[in-house]
PDB file of N, CA and C in Angstrom:
ATOM      1  N   MET A   1      -8.272 -15.060  -5.618  1.00  0.00           N
ATOM      2  CA  MET A   1      -7.497 -14.864  -4.259  1.00  0.00           C
ATOM      3  C   MET A   1      -8.823 -14.149  -3.083  1.00  0.00           C
ATOM      4  N   ASP A   2      -7.765 -14.904  -2.272  1.00  0.00           N
ATOM      5  CA  ASP A   2      -8.718 -14.040  -0.592  1.00  0.00           C
ATOM      6  C   ASP A   2      -9.367 -12.792  -0.839  1.00  0.00           C
ATOM      7  N   PRO A   3     -10.217 -12.267  -0.616  1.00  0.00           N
ATOM      8  CA  PRO A   3     -10.514 -11.220  -0.460  1.00  0.00           C
ATOM      9  C   PRO A   3     -10.204 -10.428   0.419  1.00  0.00           C
ATOM     10  N   LEU A   4      -9.866 -10.524   1.592  1.00  0.00           N
ATOM     11  CA  LEU A   4      -9.052 -10.293   2.703  1.00  0.00           C
ATOM     12  C   LEU A   4      -7.564 -10.059   2.792  1.00  0.00           C
ATOM     13  N   PHE A   5      -6.893 -10.792   1.068  1.00  0.00           N
ATOM     14  CA  PHE A   5      -5.616 -10.507   0.936  1.00  0.00           C
ATOM     15  C   PHE A   5      -5.114  -8.840   0.552  1.00  0.00           C
ATOM     16  N   ASP A   6      -4.304  -8.774   1.197  1.00  0.00           N
ATOM     17  CA  ASP A   6      -3.935  -7.361   1.119  1.00  0.00           C
ATOM     18  C   ASP A   6      -2.664  -6.615  -0.055  1.00  0.00           C
ATOM     19  N   GLU A   7      -2.891  -6.561  -1.069  1.00  0.00           N
ATOM     20  CA  GLU A   7      -1.770  -6.528  -1.887  1.00  0.00           C
ATOM     21  C   GLU A   7      -0.880  -5.558  -1.340  1.00  0.00           C
ATOM     22  N   PHE A   8      -1.284  -4.301  -1.021  1.00  0.00           N
ATOM     23  CA  PHE A   8      -0.303  -3.414   0.057  1.00  0.00           C
ATOM     24  C   PHE A   8       0.772  -3.929   0.912  1.00  0.00           C
ATOM     25  N   LEU A   9       0.223  -4.706   1.685  1.00  0.00           N
ATOM     26  CA  LEU A   9       1.066  -5.392   2.800  1.00  0.00           C
ATOM     27  C   LEU A   9       1.770  -6.339   2.163  1.00  0.00           C
ATOM     28  N   HIS A  10       1.726  -7.052   1.014  1.00  0.00           N
ATOM     29  CA  HIS A  10       2.178  -8.130   0.754  1.00  0.00           C
ATOM     30  C   HIS A  10       3.626  -7.968   0.823  1.00  0.00           C
ATOM     31  N   VAL A  11       4.110  -6.858   0.269  1.00  0.00           N
ATOM     32  CA  VAL A  11       5.194  -6.197  -0.208  1.00  0.00           C
ATOM     33  C   VAL A  11       6.168  -6.763   0.992  1.00  0.00           C
ATOM     34  N   PRO A  12       7.170  -7.902   0.771  1.00  0.00           N
ATOM     35  CA  PRO A  12       8.064  -8.329   1.861  1.00  0.00           C
ATOM     36  C   PRO A  12       8.614  -7.115   2.966  1.00  0.00           C
ATOM     37  N   ALA A  13       8.665  -6.193   2.435  1.00  0.00           N
ATOM     38  CA  ALA A  13       9.514  -5.255   3.489  1.00  0.00           C
ATOM     39  C   ALA A  13       8.085  -4.732   4.295  1.00  0.00           C
ATOM     40  N   ARG A  14       7.090  -3.866   3.451  1.00  0.00           N
ATOM     41  CA  ARG A  14       5.776  -3.815   4.410  1.00  0.00           C
ATOM     42  C   ARG A  14       5.632  -4.685   5.393  1.00  0.00           C
ATOM     43  N   LEU A  15       5.090  -5.953   5.001  1.00  0.00           N
ATOM     44  CA  LEU A  15       4.754  -6.892   6.024  1.00  0.00           C
ATOM     45  C   LEU A  15       5.868  -7.187   7.062  1.00  0.00           C
ATOM     46  N   SER A  16       6.975  -7.281   6.722  1.00  0.00           N
ATOM     47  CA  SER A  16       8.114  -7.232   7.972  1.00  0.00           C
ATOM     48  C   SER A  16       7.709  -6.413   8.813  1.00  0.00           C
ATOM     49  N   VAL A  17       7.517  -5.096   8.711  1.00  0.00           N
ATOM     50  CA  VAL A  17       7.278  -4.155   9.123  1.00  0.00           C
ATOM     51  C   VAL A  17       6.152  -3.988  10.345  1.00  0.00           C
ATOM     52  N   VAL A  18       5.143  -4.164   9.551  1.00  0.00           N
ATOM     53  CA  VAL A  18       3.767  -4.541  10.409  1.00  0.00           C
ATOM     54  C   VAL A  18       3.768  -5.785  11.096  1.00  0.00           C
ATOM     55  N   ALA A  19       4.509  -6.843  10.526  1.00  0.00           N
ATOM     56  CA  ALA A  19       4.643  -8.009  11.613  1.00  0.00           C
ATOM     57  C   ALA A  19       5.081  -7.647  12.980  1.00  0.00           C
ATOM     58  N   LEU A  20       6.629  -7.105  12.767  1.00  0.00           N
ATOM     59  CA  LEU A  20       7.289  -6.661  14.044  1.00  0.00           C
ATOM     60  C   LEU A  20       6.163  -5.318  14.859  1.00  0.00           C
ATOM     61  N   LEU A  21       5.879  -4.452  14.222  1.00  0.00           N
ATOM     62  CA  LEU A  21       4.898  -3.698  14.933  1.00  0.00           C
ATOM     63  C   LEU A  21       3.447  -4.435  16.000  1.00  0.00           C
ATOM     64  N   ALA A  22       3.082  -5.409  15.214  1.00  0.00           N
ATOM     65  CA  ALA A  22       2.051  -6.126  15.797  1.00  0.00           C
ATOM     66  C   ALA A  22       1.364  -6.151  17.382  1.00  0.00           C
ATOM     67  N   PRO A  23       2.773  -6.749  17.657  1.00  0.00           N
ATOM     68  CA  PRO A  23       3.093  -7.228  19.365  1.00  0.00           C
ATOM     69  C   PRO A  23       3.678  -6.210  20.111  1.00  0.00           C
ATOM     70  N   ALA A  24       3.683  -4.732  19.834  1.00  0.00           N
ATOM     71  CA  ALA A  24       4.395  -3.659  20.531  1.00  0.00           C
ATOM     72  C   ALA A  24       3.703  -2.332  20.432  1.00  0.00           C
ATOM     73  N   ASP A  25       4.357  -1.254  21.423  1.00  0.00           N
ATOM     74  CA  ASP A  25       3.530  -0.135  21.158  1.00  0.00           C
ATOM     75  C   ASP A  25       4.793   0.443  20.228  1.00  0.00           C
ATOM     76  N   TRP A  26       5.405   1.805  20.971  1.00  0.00           N
ATOM     77  CA  TRP A  26       6.328   2.293  20.111  1.00  0.00           C
ATOM     78  C   TRP A  26       7.339   1.216  19.747  1.00  0.00           C
ATOM     79  N   VAL A  27       8.361   1.346  18.123  1.00  0.00           N
ATOM     80  CA  VAL A  27       9.288   0.726  18.218  1.00  0.00           C
ATOM     81  C   VAL A  27      10.248   1.705  17.450  1.00  0.00           C
ATOM     82  N   ASP A  28      11.268   1.454  17.945  1.00  0.00           N
ATOM     83  CA  ASP A  28      12.301   2.454  17.793  1.00  0.00           C
ATOM     84  C   ASP A  28      12.300   2.318  16.220  1.00  0.00           C
ATOM     85  N   PHE A  29      13.052   2.934  15.057  1.00  0.00           N
ATOM     86  CA  PHE A  29      13.004   3.038  13.911  1.00  0.00           C
ATOM     87  C   PHE A  29      14.253   2.200  13.597  1.00  0.00           C
ATOM     88  N   GLY A  30      15.600   2.445  14.394  1.00  0.00           N
ATOM     89  CA  GLY A  30      16.956   1.649  14.630  1.00  0.00           C
ATOM     90  C   GLY A  30      16.676   0.028  14.842  1.00  0.00           C
ATOM     91  N   PHE A  31      15.548  -0.396  15.368  1.00  0.00           N
ATOM     92  CA  PHE A  31      15.156  -1.652  15.756  1.00  0.00           C
ATOM     93  C   PHE A  31      14.451  -1.999  14.822  1.00  0.00           C
ATOM     94  N   LEU A  32      13.832  -1.467  13.965  1.00  0.00           N
ATOM     95  CA  LEU A  32      13.111  -1.913  12.856  1.00  0.00           C
ATOM     96  C   LEU A  32      13.637  -2.383  11.710  1.00  0.00           C
ATOM     97  N   ARG A  33      14.608  -1.078  11.035  1.00  0.00           N
ATOM     98  CA  ARG A  33      16.018  -1.369  10.608  1.00  0.00           C
ATOM     99  C   ARG A  33      16.632  -2.503  10.371  1.00  0.00           C
ATOM    100  N   ASP A  34      17.379  -2.602  11.580  1.00  0.00           N
ATOM    101  CA  ASP A  34      18.116  -3.645  11.772  1.00  0.00           C
ATOM    102  C   ASP A  34      17.070  -5.289  11.771  1.00  0.00           C
ATOM    103  N   SER A  35      16.326  -5.625  11.973  1.00  0.00           N
ATOM    104  CA  SER A  35      15.159  -6.713  12.335  1.00  0.00           C
ATOM    105  C   SER A  35      14.993  -6.644  10.872  1.00  0.00           C
ATOM    106  N   VAL A  36      14.639  -5.802   9.963  1.00  0.00           N
ATOM    107  CA  VAL A  36      14.002  -6.197   8.203  1.00  0.00           C
ATOM    108  C   VAL A  36      15.487  -6.310   7.760  1.00  0.00           C
ATOM    109  N   GLY A  37      16.579  -5.815   8.106  1.00  0.00           N
ATOM    110  CA  GLY A  37      17.707  -6.145   7.417  1.00  0.00           C
ATOM    111  C   GLY A  37      17.901  -5.229   6.079  1.00  0.00           C
ATOM    112  N   THR A  38      17.487  -3.564   6.364  1.00  0.00           N
ATOM    113  CA  THR A  38      17.525  -2.939   5.568  1.00  0.00           C
ATOM    114  C   THR A  38      18.269  -1.577   5.554  1.00  0.00           C
ATOM    115  N   SER A  39      18.181  -1.020   4.857  1.00  0.00           N
ATOM    116  CA  SER A  39      18.773   0.176   4.774  1.00  0.00           C
ATOM    117  C   SER A  39      18.090   1.792   5.412  1.00  0.00           C
ATOM    118  N   ASP A  40      18.289   2.449   5.993  1.00  0.00           N
ATOM    119  CA  ASP A  40      17.448   3.879   6.573  1.00  0.00           C
ATOM    120  C   ASP A  40      16.951   4.587   5.255  1.00  0.00           C
ATOM    121  N   SER A  41      17.070   4.601   4.740  1.00  0.00           N
ATOM    122  CA  SER A  41      16.607   4.932   3.187  1.00  0.00           C
ATOM    123  C   SER A  41      15.450   4.118   2.768  1.00  0.00           C
ATOM    124  N   ALA A  42      15.603   3.053   2.642  1.00  0.00           N
ATOM    125  CA  ALA A  42      14.780   1.619   2.211  1.00  0.00           C
ATOM    126  C   ALA A  42      13.491   1.641   3.007  1.00  0.00           C
ATOM    127  N   LEU A  43      14.042   1.565   4.520  1.00  0.00           N
ATOM    128  CA  LEU A  43      12.999   1.745   5.081  1.00  0.00           C
ATOM    129  C   LEU A  43      12.206   3.284   5.661  1.00  0.00           C
ATOM    130  N   SER A  44      12.738   3.918   5.732  1.00  0.00           N
ATOM    131  CA  SER A  44      11.704   5.450   5.591  1.00  0.00           C
ATOM    132  C   SER A  44      10.645   5.348   4.285  1.00  0.00           C
ATOM    133  N   LYS A  45      11.519   5.046   3.325  1.00  0.00           N
ATOM    134  CA  LYS A  45      10.256   4.442   2.170  1.00  0.00           C
ATOM    135  C   LYS A  45       9.208   3.809   2.225  1.00  0.00           C
ATOM    136  N   GLN A  46       9.457   2.471   3.056  1.00  0.00           N
ATOM    137  CA  GLN A  46       8.661   1.768   3.152  1.00  0.00           C
ATOM    138  C   GLN A  46       7.826   2.274   4.121  1.00  0.00           C
ATOM    139  N   VAL A  47       8.178   3.016   5.470  1.00  0.00           N
ATOM    140  CA  VAL A  47       7.528   3.448   6.594  1.00  0.00           C
ATOM    141  C   VAL A  47       6.718   4.714   6.073  1.00  0.00           C
ATOM    142  N   SER A  48       6.799   5.681   5.204  1.00  0.00           N
ATOM    143  CA  SER A  48       6.455   6.475   4.580  1.00  0.00           C
ATOM    144  C   SER A  48       4.565   5.920   4.012  1.00  0.00           C
ATOM    145  N   ALA A  49       5.152   5.116   3.045  1.00  0.00           N
ATOM    146  CA  ALA A  49       3.760   4.885   2.572  1.00  0.00           C
ATOM    147  C   ALA A  49       3.122   3.657   3.523  1.00  0.00           C
ATOM    148  N   LEU A  50       3.554   3.325   4.499  1.00  0.00           N
ATOM    149  CA  LEU A  50       2.346   2.742   5.499  1.00  0.00           C
ATOM    150  C   LEU A  50       1.666   3.748   6.099  1.00  0.00           C
ATOM    151  N   ALA A  51       2.444   5.067   6.234  1.00  0.00           N
ATOM    152  CA  ALA A  51       1.708   5.987   6.864  1.00  0.00           C
ATOM    153  C   ALA A  51       0.603   6.740   6.100  1.00  0.00           C
ATOM    154  N   ALA A  52       1.489   6.659   4.960  1.00  0.00           N
ATOM    155  CA  ALA A  52       0.080   7.450   4.026  1.00  0.00           C
ATOM    156  C   ALA A  52      -1.020   6.481   4.129  1.00  0.00           C
ATOM    157  N   ALA A  53      -0.508   5.287   3.891  1.00  0.00           N
ATOM    158  CA  ALA A  53      -2.280   4.452   3.986  1.00  0.00           C
ATOM    159  C   ALA A  53      -2.744   3.975   5.425  1.00  0.00           C
ATOM    160  N   GLY A  54      -2.595   4.901   6.054  1.00  0.00           N
ATOM    161  CA  GLY A  54      -2.496   5.047   7.600  1.00  0.00           C
ATOM    162  C   GLY A  54      -2.625   3.860   8.225  1.00  0.00           C
ATOM    163  N   TYR A  55      -1.557   2.875   7.898  1.00  0.00           N
ATOM    164  CA  TYR A  55      -1.490   2.161   8.960  1.00  0.00           C
ATOM    165  C   TYR A  55      -0.303   1.891  10.167  1.00  0.00           C
ATOM    166  N   VAL A  56       0.356   3.144   9.844  1.00  0.00           N
ATOM    167  CA  VAL A  56       1.341   3.560  11.314  1.00  0.00           C
ATOM    168  C   VAL A  56       1.109   4.869  10.863  1.00  0.00           C
ATOM    169  N   VAL A  57       1.783   5.298  12.483  1.00  0.00           N
ATOM    170  CA  VAL A  57       2.268   6.580  12.923  1.00  0.00           C
ATOM    171  C   VAL A  57       3.523   7.082  13.133  1.00  0.00           C
ATOM    172  N   VAL A  58       3.854   7.923  12.720  1.00  0.00           N
ATOM    173  CA  VAL A  58       5.616   7.757  13.049  1.00  0.00           C
ATOM    174  C   VAL A  58       5.481   9.221  14.419  1.00  0.00           C
ATOM    175  N   ARG A  59       6.354   8.888  15.142  1.00  0.00           N
ATOM    176  CA  ARG A  59       6.856  10.190  16.217  1.00  0.00           C
ATOM    177  C   ARG A  59       8.263  10.331  16.270  1.00  0.00           C
ATOM    178  N   LYS A  60       8.661  11.647  16.169  1.00  0.00           N
ATOM    179  CA  LYS A  60       9.893  11.885  16.079  1.00  0.00           C
ATOM    180  C   LYS A  60      10.487  12.875  17.559  1.00  0.00           C
ATOM    181  N   ASP A  61      11.239  12.206  18.265  1.00  0.00           N
ATOM    182  CA  ASP A  61      11.808  12.762  19.843  1.00  0.00           C
ATOM    183  C   ASP A  61      13.218  13.167  19.653  1.00  0.00           C
ATOM    184  N   GLN A  62      13.219  14.509  20.354  1.00  0.00           N
ATOM    185  CA  GLN A  62      14.484  14.749  20.582  1.00  0.00           C
ATOM    186  C   GLN A  62      15.413  14.395  21.884  1.00  0.00           C
ATOM    187  N   ASP A  63      16.137  13.369  21.975  1.00  0.00           N
ATOM    188  CA  ASP A  63      16.947  13.471  23.285  1.00  0.00           C
ATOM    189  C   ASP A  63      18.023  14.372  23.510  1.00  0.00           C
ATOM    190  N   LYS A  64      18.933  14.015  24.257  1.00  0.00           N
ATOM    191  CA  LYS A  64      20.018  14.817  24.461  1.00  0.00           C
ATOM    192  C   LYS A  64      21.149  14.532  23.694  1.00  0.00           C
ATOM    193  N   ARG A  65      21.160  13.970  22.952  1.00  0.00           N
ATOM    194  CA  ARG A  65      22.041  13.293  22.282  1.00  0.00           C
ATOM    195  C   ARG A  65      21.765  13.792  20.833  1.00  0.00           C
ATOM    196  N   ALA A  66      20.497  12.863  20.033  1.00  0.00           N
ATOM    197  CA  ALA A  66      20.161  12.490  18.928  1.00  0.00           C
ATOM    198  C   ALA A  66      18.542  12.793  19.120  1.00  0.00           C
ATOM    199  N   ARG A  67      18.033  12.893  17.727  1.00  0.00           N
ATOM    200  CA  ARG A  67      16.739  12.933  17.394  1.00  0.00           C
ATOM    201  C   ARG A  67      16.449  11.160  17.226  1.00  0.00           C
ATOM    202  N   ARG A  68      15.345  10.755  17.634  1.00  0.00           N
ATOM    203  CA  ARG A  68      14.641   9.451  17.846  1.00  0.00           C
ATOM    204  C   ARG A  68      13.711   9.287  16.920  1.00  0.00           C
ATOM    205  N   THR A  69      13.293   8.061  15.963  1.00  0.00           N
ATOM    206  CA  THR A  69      11.995   8.125  15.352  1.00  0.00           C
ATOM    207  C   THR A  69      11.412   6.855  15.960  1.00  0.00           C
ATOM    208  N   TYR A  70       9.983   6.707  15.913  1.00  0.00           N
ATOM    209  CA  TYR A  70       9.516   6.031  16.514  1.00  0.00           C
ATOM    210  C   TYR A  70       8.454   5.391  15.790  1.00  0.00           C
ATOM    211  N   VAL A  71       7.680   4.147  15.557  1.00  0.00           N
ATOM    212  CA  VAL A  71       6.433   3.832  14.448  1.00  0.00           C
ATOM    213  C   VAL A  71       5.948   3.177  15.301  1.00  0.00           C
ATOM    214  N   GLN A  72       4.515   3.097  15.503  1.00  0.00           N
ATOM    215  CA  GLN A  72       3.570   2.651  15.775  1.00  0.00           C
ATOM    216  C   GLN A  72       2.593   2.294  14.941  1.00  0.00           C
ATOM    217  N   LEU A  73       2.036   0.988  15.077  1.00  0.00           N
ATOM    218  CA  LEU A  73       0.776   0.114  13.860  1.00  0.00           C
ATOM    219  C   LEU A  73      -0.335   0.925  14.974  1.00  0.00           C
ATOM    220  N   THR A  74      -1.373   1.465  13.199  1.00  0.00           N
ATOM    221  CA  THR A  74      -2.455   2.140  13.958  1.00  0.00           C
ATOM    222  C   THR A  74      -3.649   1.378  14.288  1.00  0.00           C
ATOM    223  N   PRO A  75      -4.828   1.279  15.059  1.00  0.00           N
ATOM    224  CA  PRO A  75      -5.610   0.232  14.657  1.00  0.00           C
ATOM    225  C   PRO A  75      -6.180  -0.376  13.548  1.00  0.00           C
ATOM    226  N   GLN A  76      -6.138   1.017  12.437  1.00  0.00           N
ATOM    227  CA  GLN A  76      -6.280   0.418  11.241  1.00  0.00           C
ATOM    228  C   GLN A  76      -5.256  -0.402  10.531  1.00  0.00           C
ATOM    229  N   GLY A  77      -4.301  -0.237  10.888  1.00  0.00           N
ATOM    230  CA  GLY A  77      -3.092  -1.074  10.549  1.00  0.00           C
ATOM    231  C   GLY A  77      -2.826  -2.203  11.332  1.00  0.00           C
ATOM    232  N   ARG A  78      -3.264  -2.692  12.092  1.00  0.00           N
ATOM    233  CA  ARG A  78      -3.525  -3.534  13.010  1.00  0.00           C
ATOM    234  C   ARG A  78      -4.949  -4.515  12.560  1.00  0.00           C
ATOM    235  N   SER A  79      -5.461  -3.842  12.054  1.00  0.00           N
ATOM    236  CA  SER A  79      -7.008  -4.538  11.580  1.00  0.00           C
ATOM    237  C   SER A  79      -6.387  -5.243  10.558  1.00  0.00           C
ATOM    238  N   ALA A  80      -5.380  -4.576   9.510  1.00  0.00           N
ATOM    239  CA  ALA A  80      -5.267  -4.801   8.041  1.00  0.00           C
ATOM    240  C   ALA A  80      -4.325  -6.000   7.970  1.00  0.00           C
ATOM    241  N   PHE A  81      -3.509  -5.806   9.169  1.00  0.00           N
ATOM    242  CA  PHE A  81      -2.566  -7.037   9.171  1.00  0.00           C
ATOM    243  C   PHE A  81      -3.184  -7.993   9.666  1.00  0.00           C
ATOM    244  N   GLN A  82      -4.046  -8.189  10.648  1.00  0.00           N
ATOM    245  CA  GLN A  82      -4.356  -9.518  11.186  1.00  0.00           C
ATOM    246  C   GLN A  82      -5.567  -9.900   9.989  1.00  0.00           C
ATOM    247  N   ARG A  83      -6.258  -9.222   9.181  1.00  0.00           N
ATOM    248  CA  ARG A  83      -7.018  -9.662   7.881  1.00  0.00           C
ATOM    249  C   ARG A  83      -6.011 -10.156   7.073  1.00  0.00           C
ATOM    250  N   HIS A  84      -4.919  -9.580   6.520  1.00  0.00           N
ATOM    251  CA  HIS A  84      -3.742 -10.511   5.549  1.00  0.00           C
ATOM    252  C   HIS A  84      -3.384 -11.538   6.521  1.00  0.00           C
ATOM    253  N   ALA A  85      -2.917 -11.704   7.371  1.00  0.00           N
ATOM    254  CA  ALA A  85      -2.443 -12.886   8.144  1.00  0.00           C
ATOM    255  C   ALA A  85      -3.261 -14.071   8.011  1.00  0.00           C
ATOM    256  N   ALA A  86      -4.569 -13.506   8.508  1.00  0.00           N
ATOM    257  CA  ALA A  86      -5.595 -14.641   7.985  1.00  0.00           C
ATOM    258  C   ALA A  86      -5.807 -15.018   6.972  1.00  0.00           C
ATOM    259  N   ALA A  87      -5.792 -14.413   5.758  1.00  0.00           N
ATOM    260  CA  ALA A  87      -5.746 -15.053   4.760  1.00  0.00           C
ATOM    261  C   ALA A  87      -4.857 -15.728   3.744  1.00  0.00           C
ATOM    262  N   LEU A  88      -3.514 -15.642   4.649  1.00  0.00           N
ATOM    263  CA  LEU A  88      -2.241 -16.293   4.197  1.00  0.00           C
ATOM    264  C   LEU A  88      -2.424 -17.448   5.079  1.00  0.00           C
ATOM    265  N   GLU A  89      -2.911 -17.322   6.172  1.00  0.00           N
ATOM    266  CA  GLU A  89      -3.265 -19.306   6.906  1.00  0.00           C
ATOM    267  C   GLU A  89      -4.220 -19.503   5.681  1.00  0.00           C
ATOM    268  N   ARG A  90      -5.324 -19.140   5.687  1.00  0.00           N
ATOM    269  CA  ARG A  90      -6.549 -19.738   4.817  1.00  0.00           C
ATOM    270  C   ARG A  90      -5.360 -20.020   3.109  1.00  0.00           C
ATOM    271  N   ILE A  91      -4.980 -19.419   2.739  1.00  0.00           N
ATOM    272  CA  ILE A  91      -3.968 -19.963   1.821  1.00  0.00           C
ATOM    273  C   ILE A  91      -3.128 -21.119   2.105  1.00  0.00           C
ATOM    274  N   VAL A  92      -2.266 -21.080   2.522  1.00  0.00           N
ATOM    275  CA  VAL A  92      -1.897 -21.939   3.005  1.00  0.00           C
ATOM    276  C   VAL A  92      -2.185 -23.129   3.610  1.00  0.00           C
ATOM    277  N   ALA A  93      -3.623 -23.123   4.208  1.00  0.00           N
ATOM    278  CA  ALA A  93      -4.318 -24.620   4.470  1.00  0.00           C
ATOM    279  C   ALA A  93      -4.473 -24.866   3.325  1.00  0.00           C
ATOM    280  N   LEU A  94      -5.221 -24.166   2.389  1.00  0.00           N
ATOM    281  CA  LEU A  94      -5.884 -24.872   1.102  1.00  0.00           C
ATOM    282  C   LEU A  94      -4.611 -25.670   0.722  1.00  0.00           C
ATOM    283  N   ALA A  95      -3.188 -24.951   0.687  1.00  0.00           N
ATOM    284  CA  ALA A  95      -2.212 -25.537  -0.092  1.00  0.00           C
ATOM    285  C   ALA A  95      -2.141 -27.069   0.982  1.00  0.00           C
ATOM    286  N   ARG A  96      -2.279 -27.187   2.111  1.00  0.00           N
ATOM    287  CA  ARG A  96      -1.695 -28.365   3.061  1.00  0.00           C
ATOM    288  C   ARG A  96      -2.895 -29.481   2.594  1.00  0.00           C
ATOM    289  N   ASP A  97      -4.034 -29.033   2.394  1.00  0.00           N
ATOM    290  CA  ASP A  97      -5.149 -29.814   2.228  1.00  0.00           C
ATOM    291  C   ASP A  97      -5.234 -30.700   0.683  1.00  0.00           C
ATOM    292  N   SER A  98      -4.690 -29.715  -0.266  1.00  0.00           N
ATOM    293  CA  SER A  98      -4.434 -30.356  -1.625  1.00  0.00           C
ATOM    294  C   SER A  98      -3.586 -31.006  -1.643  1.00  0.00           C
ATOM    295  N   ALA A  99      -2.152 -31.110  -0.759  1.00  0.00           N
ATOM    296  CA  ALA A  99      -1.341 -31.880  -1.035  1.00  0.00           C
ATOM    297  C   ALA A  99      -1.557 -32.770   0.041  1.00  0.00           C
ATOM    298  N   ASP A 100      -2.563 -32.775   0.715  1.00  0.00           N
ATOM    299  CA  ASP A 100      -2.954 -34.440   1.400  1.00  0.00           C
ATOM    300  C   ASP A 100      -3.851 -35.269   0.391  1.00  0.00           C
ATOM    301  N   ARG A 101      -4.167 -34.701  -0.171  1.00  0.00           N
ATOM    302  CA  ARG A 101      -5.085 -35.580  -1.215  1.00  0.00           C
ATOM    303  C   ARG A 101      -4.478 -36.195  -2.159  1.00  0.00           C
ATOM    304  N   PRO A 102      -4.862 -37.117  -2.667  1.00  0.00           N
ATOM    305  CA  PRO A 102      -4.137 -38.066  -3.820  1.00  0.00           C
ATOM    306  C   PRO A 102      -4.689 -37.401  -5.072  1.00  0.00           C
ATOM    307  N   THR A 103      -3.621 -37.009  -6.178  1.00  0.00           N
ATOM    308  CA  THR A 103      -4.374 -36.679  -7.392  1.00  0.00           C
ATOM    309  C   THR A 103      -4.349 -37.307  -8.435  1.00  0.00           C
ATOM    310  N   THR A 104      -5.268 -37.521  -9.391  1.00  0.00           N
ATOM    311  CA  THR A 104      -5.363 -38.125 -10.222  1.00  0.00           C
ATOM    312  C   THR A 104      -4.371 -38.858 -11.240  1.00  0.00           C
ATOM    313  N   ASP A 105      -3.267 -38.296 -11.291  1.00  0.00           N
ATOM    314  CA  ASP A 105      -1.940 -38.490 -11.804  1.00  0.00           C
ATOM    315  C   ASP A 105      -1.043 -39.737 -10.812  1.00  0.00           C
ATOM    316  N   GLN A 106      -1.312 -39.712  -9.533  1.00  0.00           N
ATOM    317  CA  GLN A 106      -0.803 -40.779  -8.631  1.00  0.00           C
ATOM    318  C   GLN A 106      -1.554 -41.744  -8.014  1.00  0.00           C
ATOM    319  N   PRO A 107      -1.797 -43.073  -8.192  1.00  0.00           N
ATOM    320  CA  PRO A 107      -2.429 -43.923  -7.536  1.00  0.00           C
ATOM    321  C   PRO A 107      -2.267 -43.632  -5.950  1.00  0.00           C
ATOM    322  N   ALA A 108      -3.146 -43.841  -4.988  1.00  0.00           N
ATOM    323  CA  ALA A 108      -3.337 -43.179  -3.632  1.00  0.00           C
ATOM    324  C   ALA A 108      -2.320 -45.112  -3.130  1.00  0.00           C
ATOM    325  N   ALA A 109      -1.879 -44.480  -1.824  1.00  0.00           N
ATOM    326  CA  ALA A 109      -0.944 -45.753  -1.444  1.00  0.00           C
ATOM    327  C   ALA A 109      -1.280 -46.913  -1.515  1.00  0.00           C
ATOM    328  N   ASP A 110      -2.859 -47.312  -1.052  1.00  0.00           N
ATOM    329  CA  ASP A 110      -3.331 -48.315  -0.913  1.00  0.00           C
ATOM    330  C   ASP A 110      -3.359 -49.195  -2.558  1.00  0.00           C
ATOM    331  N   GLN A 111      -3.479 -48.369  -3.301  1.00  0.00           N
ATOM    332  CA  GLN A 111      -3.816 -48.706  -4.556  1.00  0.00           C
ATOM    333  C   GLN A 111      -2.777 -49.057  -5.461  1.00  0.00           C
ATOM    334  N   LYS A 112      -1.542 -49.466  -5.002  1.00  0.00           N
ATOM    335  CA  LYS A 112      -0.327 -49.716  -5.461  1.00  0.00           C
ATOM    336  C   LYS A 112      -0.594 -51.257  -5.730  1.00  0.00           C
TER     337      LYS A 112
END
């Protein structure tokens, strides 16, 4: 396994959240929920886990009508996401490279 592969971030809901946060500043909780396609409670659980790991910070604001929750990727979270994405890219590249090489079970196209 690639040493930069982050088992914690590889959980699909967490990976989706940090991928959505990576290009943004503060992101509305409702936008995250709708984009990930999950419930408030399931997203809250994942955001809490990410916050406990130091990958995100949560801000709660009160506007005239309702309380709003915003989430932001921390520098630590951004770095972890970039490392994990690079590890995934290397894994995919290795898979592509091995798929391009003929196996010993199958003759090369020019050897038929």
